[in-house]
Amino acid sequence: MSTLREVNLEQGMPYAADAVRRLTFEVHHSRDLGCTVLKIIHGYGSSGKGGKIRLAARERLDFLQRKGEIRGYIPGEKFTIFDDATRKAFLVCPELRKDRDLERSNNGVTFIVL
């Protein structure tokens, strides 16, 4: 069983509110599956407006972290071996070391430490 799971929140081109509802479901579902990290793909806002799903998802993750429902999250643009949160995430999910977005500054993804 993998401890890393990936979910594409952009699939089907949902409204941001629908994507956030799915995010909340996927966080709880991934934990039930025994995952330690959930990677979400939310896009980066190629329209130039900032990415509504990305902004809404990260706002929701801030809320979930404050409530203690997740340990934290790592924005894709900070997913580097030089980031303390990334190195800590490697300890709970060694698979992350092999993720294709490591060192790519991809602001279209976020890693959630469950």
PDB file of N, CA and C in Angstrom:
ATOM      1  N   MET A   1       0.845  -1.194   0.000  1.00  0.00           N
ATOM      2  CA  MET A   1       0.000   0.000   0.000  1.00  0.00           C
ATOM      3  C   MET A   1       0.884   1.248   0.000  1.00  0.00           C
ATOM      4  N   SER A   2       0.593   2.157  -0.893  1.00  0.00           N
ATOM      5  CA  SER A   2       1.328   3.405  -0.983  1.00  0.00           C
ATOM      6  C   SER A   2       0.883   4.353   0.133  1.00  0.00           C
ATOM      7  N   THR A   3       1.816   5.107   0.648  1.00  0.00           N
ATOM      8  CA  THR A   3       1.464   6.110   1.652  1.00  0.00           C
ATOM      9  C   THR A   3       1.252   7.478   1.014  1.00  0.00           C
ATOM     10  N   LEU A   4       1.471   7.535  -0.305  1.00  0.00           N
ATOM     11  CA  LEU A   4       1.277   8.765  -1.079  1.00  0.00           C
ATOM     12  C   LEU A   4       0.139   8.549  -2.064  1.00  0.00           C
ATOM     13  N   ARG A   5      -0.770   9.488  -2.105  1.00  0.00           N
ATOM     14  CA  ARG A   5      -1.915   9.413  -3.012  1.00  0.00           C
ATOM     15  C   ARG A   5      -1.998  10.722  -3.780  1.00  0.00           C
ATOM     16  N   GLU A   6      -2.440  10.665  -5.049  1.00  0.00           N
ATOM     17  CA  GLU A   6      -2.546  11.861  -5.884  1.00  0.00           C
ATOM     18  C   GLU A   6      -3.971  11.996  -6.392  1.00  0.00           C
ATOM     19  N   VAL A   7      -4.505  13.214  -6.316  1.00  0.00           N
ATOM     20  CA  VAL A   7      -5.860  13.502  -6.768  1.00  0.00           C
ATOM     21  C   VAL A   7      -5.834  14.780  -7.601  1.00  0.00           C
ATOM     22  N   ASN A   8      -6.503  14.739  -8.750  1.00  0.00           N
ATOM     23  CA  ASN A   8      -6.584  15.905  -9.630  1.00  0.00           C
ATOM     24  C   ASN A   8      -7.900  16.635  -9.380  1.00  0.00           C
ATOM     25  N   LEU A   9      -7.838  17.770  -8.694  1.00  0.00           N
ATOM     26  CA  LEU A   9      -9.042  18.550  -8.391  1.00  0.00           C
ATOM     27  C   LEU A   9      -9.564  19.311  -9.605  1.00  0.00           C
ATOM     28  N   GLU A  10      -8.744  19.440 -10.630  1.00  0.00           N
ATOM     29  CA  GLU A  10      -9.153  20.158 -11.849  1.00  0.00           C
ATOM     30  C   GLU A  10     -10.002  19.291 -12.775  1.00  0.00           C
ATOM     31  N   GLN A  11      -9.940  17.982 -12.576  1.00  0.00           N
ATOM     32  CA  GLN A  11     -10.628  17.058 -13.477  1.00  0.00           C
ATOM     33  C   GLN A  11     -12.113  17.399 -13.570  1.00  0.00           C
ATOM     34  N   GLY A  12     -12.601  17.519 -14.774  1.00  0.00           N
ATOM     35  CA  GLY A  12     -14.002  17.871 -15.004  1.00  0.00           C
ATOM     36  C   GLY A  12     -14.274  19.366 -14.962  1.00  0.00           C
ATOM     37  N   MET A  13     -13.228  20.165 -14.779  1.00  0.00           N
ATOM     38  CA  MET A  13     -13.341  21.629 -14.744  1.00  0.00           C
ATOM     39  C   MET A  13     -14.410  22.129 -13.754  1.00  0.00           C
ATOM     40  N   PRO A  14     -14.308  21.727 -12.478  1.00  0.00           N
ATOM     41  CA  PRO A  14     -15.319  22.131 -11.494  1.00  0.00           C
ATOM     42  C   PRO A  14     -15.178  23.599 -11.095  1.00  0.00           C
ATOM     43  N   TYR A  15     -16.251  24.122 -10.514  1.00  0.00           N
ATOM     44  CA  TYR A  15     -16.168  25.421  -9.857  1.00  0.00           C
ATOM     45  C   TYR A  15     -15.291  25.252  -8.620  1.00  0.00           C
ATOM     46  N   ALA A  16     -14.702  26.335  -8.155  1.00  0.00           N
ATOM     47  CA  ALA A  16     -13.802  26.269  -6.999  1.00  0.00           C
ATOM     48  C   ALA A  16     -14.497  25.666  -5.778  1.00  0.00           C
ATOM     49  N   ALA A  17     -15.742  26.028  -5.530  1.00  0.00           N
ATOM     50  CA  ALA A  17     -16.466  25.505  -4.359  1.00  0.00           C
ATOM     51  C   ALA A  17     -16.623  23.988  -4.440  1.00  0.00           C
ATOM     52  N   ASP A  18     -16.879  23.473  -5.623  1.00  0.00           N
ATOM     53  CA  ASP A  18     -17.007  22.022  -5.796  1.00  0.00           C
ATOM     54  C   ASP A  18     -15.658  21.339  -5.587  1.00  0.00           C
ATOM     55  N   ALA A  19     -14.599  21.955  -6.086  1.00  0.00           N
ATOM     56  CA  ALA A  19     -13.254  21.402  -5.917  1.00  0.00           C
ATOM     57  C   ALA A  19     -12.871  21.361  -4.435  1.00  0.00           C
ATOM     58  N   VAL A  20     -13.263  22.369  -3.678  1.00  0.00           N
ATOM     59  CA  VAL A  20     -12.951  22.411  -2.246  1.00  0.00           C
ATOM     60  C   VAL A  20     -13.729  21.328  -1.497  1.00  0.00           C
ATOM     61  N   ARG A  21     -14.964  21.091  -1.888  1.00  0.00           N
ATOM     62  CA  ARG A  21     -15.735  20.003  -1.276  1.00  0.00           C
ATOM     63  C   ARG A  21     -15.055  18.661  -1.545  1.00  0.00           C
ATOM     64  N   ARG A  22     -14.593  18.481  -2.773  1.00  0.00           N
ATOM     65  CA  ARG A  22     -13.894  17.234  -3.104  1.00  0.00           C
ATOM     66  C   ARG A  22     -12.592  17.133  -2.322  1.00  0.00           C
ATOM     67  N   LEU A  23     -11.876  18.234  -2.186  1.00  0.00           N
ATOM     68  CA  LEU A  23     -10.635  18.249  -1.416  1.00  0.00           C
ATOM     69  C   LEU A  23     -10.887  17.754   0.002  1.00  0.00           C
ATOM     70  N   THR A  24     -11.912  18.280   0.644  1.00  0.00           N
ATOM     71  CA  THR A  24     -12.235  17.892   2.018  1.00  0.00           C
ATOM     72  C   THR A  24     -12.527  16.395   2.095  1.00  0.00           C
ATOM     73  N   PHE A  25     -13.312  15.897   1.139  1.00  0.00           N
ATOM     74  CA  PHE A  25     -13.607  14.468   1.084  1.00  0.00           C
ATOM     75  C   PHE A  25     -12.322  13.661   0.919  1.00  0.00           C
ATOM     76  N   GLU A  26     -11.462  14.073  -0.009  1.00  0.00           N
ATOM     77  CA  GLU A  26     -10.243  13.326  -0.324  1.00  0.00           C
ATOM     78  C   GLU A  26      -9.259  13.314   0.846  1.00  0.00           C
ATOM     79  N   VAL A  27      -9.208  14.377   1.621  1.00  0.00           N
ATOM     80  CA  VAL A  27      -8.356  14.407   2.810  1.00  0.00           C
ATOM     81  C   VAL A  27      -8.795  13.306   3.776  1.00  0.00           C
ATOM     82  N   HIS A  28     -10.096  13.248   4.065  1.00  0.00           N
ATOM     83  CA  HIS A  28     -10.605  12.251   5.010  1.00  0.00           C
ATOM     84  C   HIS A  28     -10.499  10.836   4.433  1.00  0.00           C
ATOM     85  N   HIS A  29     -10.811  10.688   3.163  1.00  0.00           N
ATOM     86  CA  HIS A  29     -10.745   9.378   2.509  1.00  0.00           C
ATOM     87  C   HIS A  29      -9.305   8.858   2.479  1.00  0.00           C
ATOM     88  N   SER A  30      -8.353   9.729   2.170  1.00  0.00           N
ATOM     89  CA  SER A  30      -6.946   9.327   2.113  1.00  0.00           C
ATOM     90  C   SER A  30      -6.457   8.878   3.481  1.00  0.00           C
ATOM     91  N   ARG A  31      -6.876   9.579   4.514  1.00  0.00           N
ATOM     92  CA  ARG A  31      -6.495   9.183   5.871  1.00  0.00           C
ATOM     93  C   ARG A  31      -7.073   7.799   6.184  1.00  0.00           C
ATOM     94  N   ASP A  32      -8.347   7.579   5.805  1.00  0.00           N
ATOM     95  CA  ASP A  32      -8.976   6.274   6.033  1.00  0.00           C
ATOM     96  C   ASP A  32      -8.247   5.153   5.300  1.00  0.00           C
ATOM     97  N   LEU A  33      -7.645   5.478   4.149  1.00  0.00           N
ATOM     98  CA  LEU A  33      -6.895   4.493   3.370  1.00  0.00           C
ATOM     99  C   LEU A  33      -5.503   4.231   3.939  1.00  0.00           C
ATOM    100  N   GLY A  34      -5.091   5.027   4.929  1.00  0.00           N
ATOM    101  CA  GLY A  34      -3.778   4.851   5.541  1.00  0.00           C
ATOM    102  C   GLY A  34      -2.676   5.662   4.887  1.00  0.00           C
ATOM    103  N   CYS A  35      -3.047   6.615   4.065  1.00  0.00           N
ATOM    104  CA  CYS A  35      -2.047   7.466   3.415  1.00  0.00           C
ATOM    105  C   CYS A  35      -1.497   8.476   4.419  1.00  0.00           C
ATOM    106  N   THR A  36      -0.255   8.867   4.203  1.00  0.00           N
ATOM    107  CA  THR A  36       0.344   9.889   5.065  1.00  0.00           C
ATOM    108  C   THR A  36       0.464  11.227   4.349  1.00  0.00           C
ATOM    109  N   VAL A  37       0.460  11.189   3.002  1.00  0.00           N
ATOM    110  CA  VAL A  37       0.532  12.419   2.214  1.00  0.00           C
ATOM    111  C   VAL A  37      -0.434  12.316   1.044  1.00  0.00           C
ATOM    112  N   LEU A  38      -1.163  13.402   0.813  1.00  0.00           N
ATOM    113  CA  LEU A  38      -2.062  13.524  -0.336  1.00  0.00           C
ATOM    114  C   LEU A  38      -1.532  14.650  -1.215  1.00  0.00           C
ATOM    115  N   LYS A  39      -1.258  14.321  -2.460  1.00  0.00           N
ATOM    116  CA  LYS A  39      -0.829  15.332  -3.435  1.00  0.00           C
ATOM    117  C   LYS A  39      -2.057  15.733  -4.235  1.00  0.00           C
ATOM    118  N   ILE A  40      -2.355  17.028  -4.246  1.00  0.00           N
ATOM    119  CA  ILE A  40      -3.480  17.495  -5.051  1.00  0.00           C
ATOM    120  C   ILE A  40      -2.964  18.325  -6.220  1.00  0.00           C
ATOM    121  N   ILE A  41      -3.608  18.137  -7.343  1.00  0.00           N
ATOM    122  CA  ILE A  41      -3.339  18.931  -8.533  1.00  0.00           C
ATOM    123  C   ILE A  41      -4.507  19.899  -8.653  1.00  0.00           C
ATOM    124  N   HIS A  42      -4.202  21.191  -8.612  1.00  0.00           N
ATOM    125  CA  HIS A  42      -5.258  22.198  -8.644  1.00  0.00           C
ATOM    126  C   HIS A  42      -5.024  23.248  -9.719  1.00  0.00           C
ATOM    127  N   GLY A  43      -3.927  23.161 -10.432  1.00  0.00           N
ATOM    128  CA  GLY A  43      -3.629  24.170 -11.432  1.00  0.00           C
ATOM    129  C   GLY A  43      -3.044  25.411 -10.796  1.00  0.00           C
ATOM    130  N   TYR A  44      -2.593  26.303 -11.652  1.00  0.00           N
ATOM    131  CA  TYR A  44      -1.920  27.506 -11.150  1.00  0.00           C
ATOM    132  C   TYR A  44      -2.539  28.800 -11.663  1.00  0.00           C
ATOM    133  N   GLY A  45      -3.604  28.694 -12.411  1.00  0.00           N
ATOM    134  CA  GLY A  45      -4.239  29.913 -12.890  1.00  0.00           C
ATOM    135  C   GLY A  45      -3.636  30.436 -14.160  1.00  0.00           C
ATOM    136  N   SER A  46      -3.590  29.622 -15.188  1.00  0.00           N
ATOM    137  CA  SER A  46      -2.974  30.020 -16.456  1.00  0.00           C
ATOM    138  C   SER A  46      -3.706  31.178 -17.120  1.00  0.00           C
ATOM    139  N   SER A  47      -4.907  31.472 -16.627  1.00  0.00           N
ATOM    140  CA  SER A  47      -5.654  32.602 -17.173  1.00  0.00           C
ATOM    141  C   SER A  47      -5.063  33.936 -16.725  1.00  0.00           C
ATOM    142  N   GLY A  48      -4.139  33.876 -15.759  1.00  0.00           N
ATOM    143  CA  GLY A  48      -3.533  35.102 -15.258  1.00  0.00           C
ATOM    144  C   GLY A  48      -4.270  35.700 -14.080  1.00  0.00           C
ATOM    145  N   LYS A  49      -5.316  35.020 -13.600  1.00  0.00           N
ATOM    146  CA  LYS A  49      -6.113  35.547 -12.495  1.00  0.00           C
ATOM    147  C   LYS A  49      -5.798  34.894 -11.159  1.00  0.00           C
ATOM    148  N   GLY A  50      -4.753  34.062 -11.090  1.00  0.00           N
ATOM    149  CA  GLY A  50      -4.330  33.525  -9.802  1.00  0.00           C
ATOM    150  C   GLY A  50      -4.784  32.124  -9.496  1.00  0.00           C
ATOM    151  N   GLY A  51      -5.661  31.543 -10.270  1.00  0.00           N
ATOM    152  CA  GLY A  51      -6.082  30.173 -10.022  1.00  0.00           C
ATOM    153  C   GLY A  51      -7.075  30.065  -8.885  1.00  0.00           C
ATOM    154  N   LYS A  52      -8.344  30.142  -9.204  1.00  0.00           N
ATOM    155  CA  LYS A  52      -9.383  30.130  -8.164  1.00  0.00           C
ATOM    156  C   LYS A  52      -9.366  28.845  -7.345  1.00  0.00           C
ATOM    157  N   ILE A  53      -9.161  27.696  -8.006  1.00  0.00           N
ATOM    158  CA  ILE A  53      -9.130  26.432  -7.256  1.00  0.00           C
ATOM    159  C   ILE A  53      -7.921  26.400  -6.336  1.00  0.00           C
ATOM    160  N   ARG A  54      -6.778  26.835  -6.825  1.00  0.00           N
ATOM    161  CA  ARG A  54      -5.565  26.848  -5.996  1.00  0.00           C
ATOM    162  C   ARG A  54      -5.763  27.715  -4.762  1.00  0.00           C
ATOM    163  N   LEU A  55      -6.259  28.916  -4.958  1.00  0.00           N
ATOM    164  CA  LEU A  55      -6.457  29.833  -3.829  1.00  0.00           C
ATOM    165  C   LEU A  55      -7.487  29.291  -2.841  1.00  0.00           C
ATOM    166  N   ALA A  56      -8.598  28.770  -3.345  1.00  0.00           N
ATOM    167  CA  ALA A  56      -9.647  28.234  -2.474  1.00  0.00           C
ATOM    168  C   ALA A  56      -9.162  26.986  -1.738  1.00  0.00           C
ATOM    169  N   ALA A  57      -8.419  26.139  -2.429  1.00  0.00           N
ATOM    170  CA  ALA A  57      -7.908  24.909  -1.799  1.00  0.00           C
ATOM    171  C   ALA A  57      -6.943  25.251  -0.669  1.00  0.00           C
ATOM    172  N   ARG A  58      -6.052  26.167  -0.910  1.00  0.00           N
ATOM    173  CA  ARG A  58      -5.077  26.513   0.133  1.00  0.00           C
ATOM    174  C   ARG A  58      -5.733  27.230   1.310  1.00  0.00           C
ATOM    175  N   GLU A  59      -6.755  27.990   1.029  1.00  0.00           N
ATOM    176  CA  GLU A  59      -7.509  28.620   2.120  1.00  0.00           C
ATOM    177  C   GLU A  59      -8.168  27.533   2.976  1.00  0.00           C
ATOM    178  N   ARG A  60      -8.734  26.528   2.328  1.00  0.00           N
ATOM    179  CA  ARG A  60      -9.360  25.415   3.048  1.00  0.00           C
ATOM    180  C   ARG A  60      -8.316  24.632   3.851  1.00  0.00           C
ATOM    181  N   LEU A  61      -7.134  24.441   3.270  1.00  0.00           N
ATOM    182  CA  LEU A  61      -6.080  23.724   3.976  1.00  0.00           C
ATOM    183  C   LEU A  61      -5.617  24.489   5.215  1.00  0.00           C
ATOM    184  N   ASP A  62      -5.575  25.810   5.131  1.00  0.00           N
ATOM    185  CA  ASP A  62      -5.263  26.613   6.320  1.00  0.00           C
ATOM    186  C   ASP A  62      -6.278  26.332   7.422  1.00  0.00           C
ATOM    187  N   PHE A  63      -7.559  26.287   7.042  1.00  0.00           N
ATOM    188  CA  PHE A  63      -8.644  26.009   7.986  1.00  0.00           C
ATOM    189  C   PHE A  63      -8.485  24.612   8.593  1.00  0.00           C
ATOM    190  N   LEU A  64      -8.248  23.610   7.751  1.00  0.00           N
ATOM    191  CA  LEU A  64      -8.098  22.233   8.235  1.00  0.00           C
ATOM    192  C   LEU A  64      -6.883  22.091   9.154  1.00  0.00           C
ATOM    193  N   GLN A  65      -5.834  22.830   8.865  1.00  0.00           N
ATOM    194  CA  GLN A  65      -4.649  22.789   9.723  1.00  0.00           C
ATOM    195  C   GLN A  65      -4.949  23.419  11.082  1.00  0.00           C
ATOM    196  N   ARG A  66      -5.632  24.549  11.080  1.00  0.00           N
ATOM    197  CA  ARG A  66      -5.995  25.201  12.345  1.00  0.00           C
ATOM    198  C   ARG A  66      -6.878  24.283  13.195  1.00  0.00           C
ATOM    199  N   LYS A  67      -7.764  23.524  12.547  1.00  0.00           N
ATOM    200  CA  LYS A  67      -8.649  22.593  13.260  1.00  0.00           C
ATOM    201  C   LYS A  67      -7.933  21.307  13.685  1.00  0.00           C
ATOM    202  N   GLY A  68      -6.711  21.113  13.236  1.00  0.00           N
ATOM    203  CA  GLY A  68      -5.968  19.920  13.583  1.00  0.00           C
ATOM    204  C   GLY A  68      -6.334  18.698  12.746  1.00  0.00           C
ATOM    205  N   GLU A  69      -7.005  18.911  11.610  1.00  0.00           N
ATOM    206  CA  GLU A  69      -7.407  17.792  10.754  1.00  0.00           C
ATOM    207  C   GLU A  69      -6.309  17.353   9.794  1.00  0.00           C
ATOM    208  N   ILE A  70      -5.319  18.220   9.582  1.00  0.00           N
ATOM    209  CA  ILE A  70      -4.126  17.855   8.815  1.00  0.00           C
ATOM    210  C   ILE A  70      -2.925  18.383   9.586  1.00  0.00           C
ATOM    211  N   ARG A  71      -1.769  17.764   9.365  1.00  0.00           N
ATOM    212  CA  ARG A  71      -0.547  18.239  10.026  1.00  0.00           C
ATOM    213  C   ARG A  71      -0.046  19.523   9.384  1.00  0.00           C
ATOM    214  N   GLY A  72      -0.206  19.603   8.073  1.00  0.00           N
ATOM    215  CA  GLY A  72       0.257  20.775   7.349  1.00  0.00           C
ATOM    216  C   GLY A  72       0.231  20.509   5.864  1.00  0.00           C
ATOM    217  N   TYR A  73       0.739  21.474   5.109  1.00  0.00           N
ATOM    218  CA  TYR A  73       0.805  21.286   3.661  1.00  0.00           C
ATOM    219  C   TYR A  73       2.000  22.031   3.098  1.00  0.00           C
ATOM    220  N   ILE A  74       2.421  21.554   1.925  1.00  0.00           N
ATOM    221  CA  ILE A  74       3.591  22.135   1.261  1.00  0.00           C
ATOM    222  C   ILE A  74       3.160  22.592  -0.125  1.00  0.00           C
ATOM    223  N   PRO A  75       3.142  23.899  -0.373  1.00  0.00           N
ATOM    224  CA  PRO A  75       2.853  24.380  -1.724  1.00  0.00           C
ATOM    225  C   PRO A  75       3.903  23.848  -2.697  1.00  0.00           C
ATOM    226  N   GLY A  76       3.489  23.487  -3.883  1.00  0.00           N
ATOM    227  CA  GLY A  76       4.410  22.934  -4.869  1.00  0.00           C
ATOM    228  C   GLY A  76       5.602  23.815  -5.159  1.00  0.00           C
ATOM    229  N   GLU A  77       5.422  25.127  -5.071  1.00  0.00           N
ATOM    230  CA  GLU A  77       6.528  26.046  -5.346  1.00  0.00           C
ATOM    231  C   GLU A  77       7.585  26.025  -4.235  1.00  0.00           C
ATOM    232  N   LYS A  78       7.249  25.409  -3.093  1.00  0.00           N
ATOM    233  CA  LYS A  78       8.217  25.293  -1.992  1.00  0.00           C
ATOM    234  C   LYS A  78       8.689  23.853  -1.798  1.00  0.00           C
ATOM    235  N   PHE A  79       8.273  22.954  -2.684  1.00  0.00           N
ATOM    236  CA  PHE A  79       8.595  21.536  -2.565  1.00  0.00           C
ATOM    237  C   PHE A  79      10.021  21.291  -3.051  1.00  0.00           C
ATOM    238  N   THR A  80      10.960  21.497  -2.133  1.00  0.00           N
ATOM    239  CA  THR A  80      12.383  21.400  -2.438  1.00  0.00           C
ATOM    240  C   THR A  80      13.118  20.807  -1.244  1.00  0.00           C
ATOM    241  N   ILE A  81      14.244  20.190  -1.499  1.00  0.00           N
ATOM    242  CA  ILE A  81      15.022  19.604  -0.399  1.00  0.00           C
ATOM    243  C   ILE A  81      15.542  20.663   0.567  1.00  0.00           C
ATOM    244  N   PHE A  82      15.487  21.911   0.181  1.00  0.00           N
ATOM    245  CA  PHE A  82      15.960  22.998   1.037  1.00  0.00           C
ATOM    246  C   PHE A  82      14.865  23.511   1.978  1.00  0.00           C
ATOM    247  N   ASP A  83      13.638  23.007   1.818  1.00  0.00           N
ATOM    248  CA  ASP A  83      12.506  23.422   2.638  1.00  0.00           C
ATOM    249  C   ASP A  83      12.355  22.471   3.829  1.00  0.00           C
ATOM    250  N   ASP A  84      12.272  23.029   5.027  1.00  0.00           N
ATOM    251  CA  ASP A  84      12.176  22.233   6.249  1.00  0.00           C
ATOM    252  C   ASP A  84      10.925  21.353   6.253  1.00  0.00           C
ATOM    253  N   ALA A  85       9.786  21.894   5.847  1.00  0.00           N
ATOM    254  CA  ALA A  85       8.541  21.106   5.831  1.00  0.00           C
ATOM    255  C   ALA A  85       8.644  19.930   4.863  1.00  0.00           C
ATOM    256  N   THR A  86       9.319  20.133   3.747  1.00  0.00           N
ATOM    257  CA  THR A  86       9.509  19.046   2.779  1.00  0.00           C
ATOM    258  C   THR A  86      10.370  17.946   3.383  1.00  0.00           C
ATOM    259  N   ARG A  87      11.449  18.323   4.024  1.00  0.00           N
ATOM    260  CA  ARG A  87      12.317  17.313   4.635  1.00  0.00           C
ATOM    261  C   ARG A  87      11.592  16.541   5.727  1.00  0.00           C
ATOM    262  N   LYS A  88      10.750  17.206   6.495  1.00  0.00           N
ATOM    263  CA  LYS A  88       9.960  16.518   7.524  1.00  0.00           C
ATOM    264  C   LYS A  88       8.950  15.572   6.882  1.00  0.00           C
ATOM    265  N   ALA A  89       8.375  15.981   5.756  1.00  0.00           N
ATOM    266  CA  ALA A  89       7.412  15.124   5.058  1.00  0.00           C
ATOM    267  C   ALA A  89       8.087  13.865   4.524  1.00  0.00           C
ATOM    268  N   PHE A  90       9.357  13.965   4.123  1.00  0.00           N
ATOM    269  CA  PHE A  90      10.107  12.784   3.669  1.00  0.00           C
ATOM    270  C   PHE A  90      10.158  11.711   4.755  1.00  0.00           C
ATOM    271  N   LEU A  91      10.188  12.136   6.011  1.00  0.00           N
ATOM    272  CA  LEU A  91      10.270  11.191   7.122  1.00  0.00           C
ATOM    273  C   LEU A  91       8.995  10.365   7.269  1.00  0.00           C
ATOM    274  N   VAL A  92       7.840  10.967   7.001  1.00  0.00           N
ATOM    275  CA  VAL A  92       6.569  10.235   7.119  1.00  0.00           C
ATOM    276  C   VAL A  92       6.160   9.575   5.809  1.00  0.00           C
ATOM    277  N   CYS A  93       6.778  10.007   4.701  1.00  0.00           N
ATOM    278  CA  CYS A  93       6.449   9.453   3.385  1.00  0.00           C
ATOM    279  C   CYS A  93       7.695   9.466   2.499  1.00  0.00           C
ATOM    280  N   PRO A  94       8.561   8.463   2.644  1.00  0.00           N
ATOM    281  CA  PRO A  94       9.788   8.418   1.846  1.00  0.00           C
ATOM    282  C   PRO A  94       9.545   8.446   0.332  1.00  0.00           C
ATOM    283  N   GLU A  95       8.360   8.015  -0.113  1.00  0.00           N
ATOM    284  CA  GLU A  95       8.022   8.041  -1.542  1.00  0.00           C
ATOM    285  C   GLU A  95       8.111   9.438  -2.147  1.00  0.00           C
ATOM    286  N   LEU A  96       7.936  10.448  -1.308  1.00  0.00           N
ATOM    287  CA  LEU A  96       7.969  11.833  -1.792  1.00  0.00           C
ATOM    288  C   LEU A  96       9.299  12.192  -2.450  1.00  0.00           C
ATOM    289  N   ARG A  97      10.366  11.547  -2.040  1.00  0.00           N
ATOM    290  CA  ARG A  97      11.690  11.826  -2.612  1.00  0.00           C
ATOM    291  C   ARG A  97      11.729  11.548  -4.116  1.00  0.00           C
ATOM    292  N   LYS A  98      10.826  10.686  -4.580  1.00  0.00           N
ATOM    293  CA  LYS A  98      10.797  10.305  -5.998  1.00  0.00           C
ATOM    294  C   LYS A  98       9.735  11.054  -6.796  1.00  0.00           C
ATOM    295  N   ASP A  99       9.018  11.963  -6.161  1.00  0.00           N
ATOM    296  CA  ASP A  99       7.936  12.660  -6.867  1.00  0.00           C
ATOM    297  C   ASP A  99       8.487  13.551  -7.980  1.00  0.00           C
ATOM    298  N   ARG A 100       7.820  13.521  -9.106  1.00  0.00           N
ATOM    299  CA  ARG A 100       8.291  14.256 -10.297  1.00  0.00           C
ATOM    300  C   ARG A 100       8.294  15.776 -10.105  1.00  0.00           C
ATOM    301  N   ASP A 101       7.580  16.278  -9.104  1.00  0.00           N
ATOM    302  CA  ASP A 101       7.536  17.727  -8.895  1.00  0.00           C
ATOM    303  C   ASP A 101       8.576  18.246  -7.904  1.00  0.00           C
ATOM    304  N   LEU A 102       9.377  17.357  -7.350  1.00  0.00           N
ATOM    305  CA  LEU A 102      10.437  17.803  -6.436  1.00  0.00           C
ATOM    306  C   LEU A 102      11.418  18.689  -7.205  1.00  0.00           C
ATOM    307  N   GLU A 103      11.692  19.855  -6.658  1.00  0.00           N
ATOM    308  CA  GLU A 103      12.615  20.841  -7.243  1.00  0.00           C
ATOM    309  C   GLU A 103      12.092  21.501  -8.528  1.00  0.00           C
ATOM    310  N   ARG A 104      10.787  21.418  -8.806  1.00  0.00           N
ATOM    311  CA  ARG A 104      10.260  21.991 -10.046  1.00  0.00           C
ATOM    312  C   ARG A 104       9.499  23.304  -9.838  1.00  0.00           C
ATOM    313  N   SER A 105       9.339  23.740  -8.608  1.00  0.00           N
ATOM    314  CA  SER A 105       8.601  24.986  -8.324  1.00  0.00           C
ATOM    315  C   SER A 105       7.244  25.011  -8.996  1.00  0.00           C
ATOM    316  N   ASN A 106       6.529  23.905  -8.912  1.00  0.00           N
ATOM    317  CA  ASN A 106       5.217  23.779  -9.576  1.00  0.00           C
ATOM    318  C   ASN A 106       4.128  24.319  -8.665  1.00  0.00           C
ATOM    319  N   ASN A 107       3.657  25.527  -8.940  1.00  0.00           N
ATOM    320  CA  ASN A 107       2.606  26.095  -8.084  1.00  0.00           C
ATOM    321  C   ASN A 107       1.221  25.587  -8.461  1.00  0.00           C
ATOM    322  N   GLY A 108       1.144  24.578  -9.284  1.00  0.00           N
ATOM    323  CA  GLY A 108      -0.123  23.959  -9.638  1.00  0.00           C
ATOM    324  C   GLY A 108      -0.447  22.720  -8.808  1.00  0.00           C
ATOM    325  N   VAL A 109       0.425  22.419  -7.821  1.00  0.00           N
ATOM    326  CA  VAL A 109       0.202  21.263  -6.939  1.00  0.00           C
ATOM    327  C   VAL A 109       0.440  21.669  -5.490  1.00  0.00           C
ATOM    328  N   THR A 110      -0.108  20.864  -4.581  1.00  0.00           N
ATOM    329  CA  THR A 110       0.122  21.044  -3.158  1.00  0.00           C
ATOM    330  C   THR A 110       0.189  19.666  -2.522  1.00  0.00           C
ATOM    331  N   PHE A 111       1.088  19.500  -1.563  1.00  0.00           N
ATOM    332  CA  PHE A 111       1.258  18.247  -0.841  1.00  0.00           C
ATOM    333  C   PHE A 111       0.700  18.427   0.567  1.00  0.00           C
ATOM    334  N   ILE A 112      -0.225  17.558   0.950  1.00  0.00           N
ATOM    335  CA  ILE A 112      -0.891  17.667   2.238  1.00  0.00           C
ATOM    336  C   ILE A 112      -0.377  16.551   3.147  1.00  0.00           C
ATOM    337  N   VAL A 113       0.189  16.930   4.273  1.00  0.00           N
ATOM    338  CA  VAL A 113       0.676  15.944   5.246  1.00  0.00           C
ATOM    339  C   VAL A 113      -0.475  15.655   6.196  1.00  0.00           C
ATOM    340  N   LEU A 114      -0.950  14.413   6.142  1.00  0.00           N
ATOM    341  CA  LEU A 114      -2.125  14.018   6.911  1.00  0.00           C
ATOM    342  C   LEU A 114      -1.728  13.630   8.339  1.00  0.00           C
TER     343      LEU A 114
END
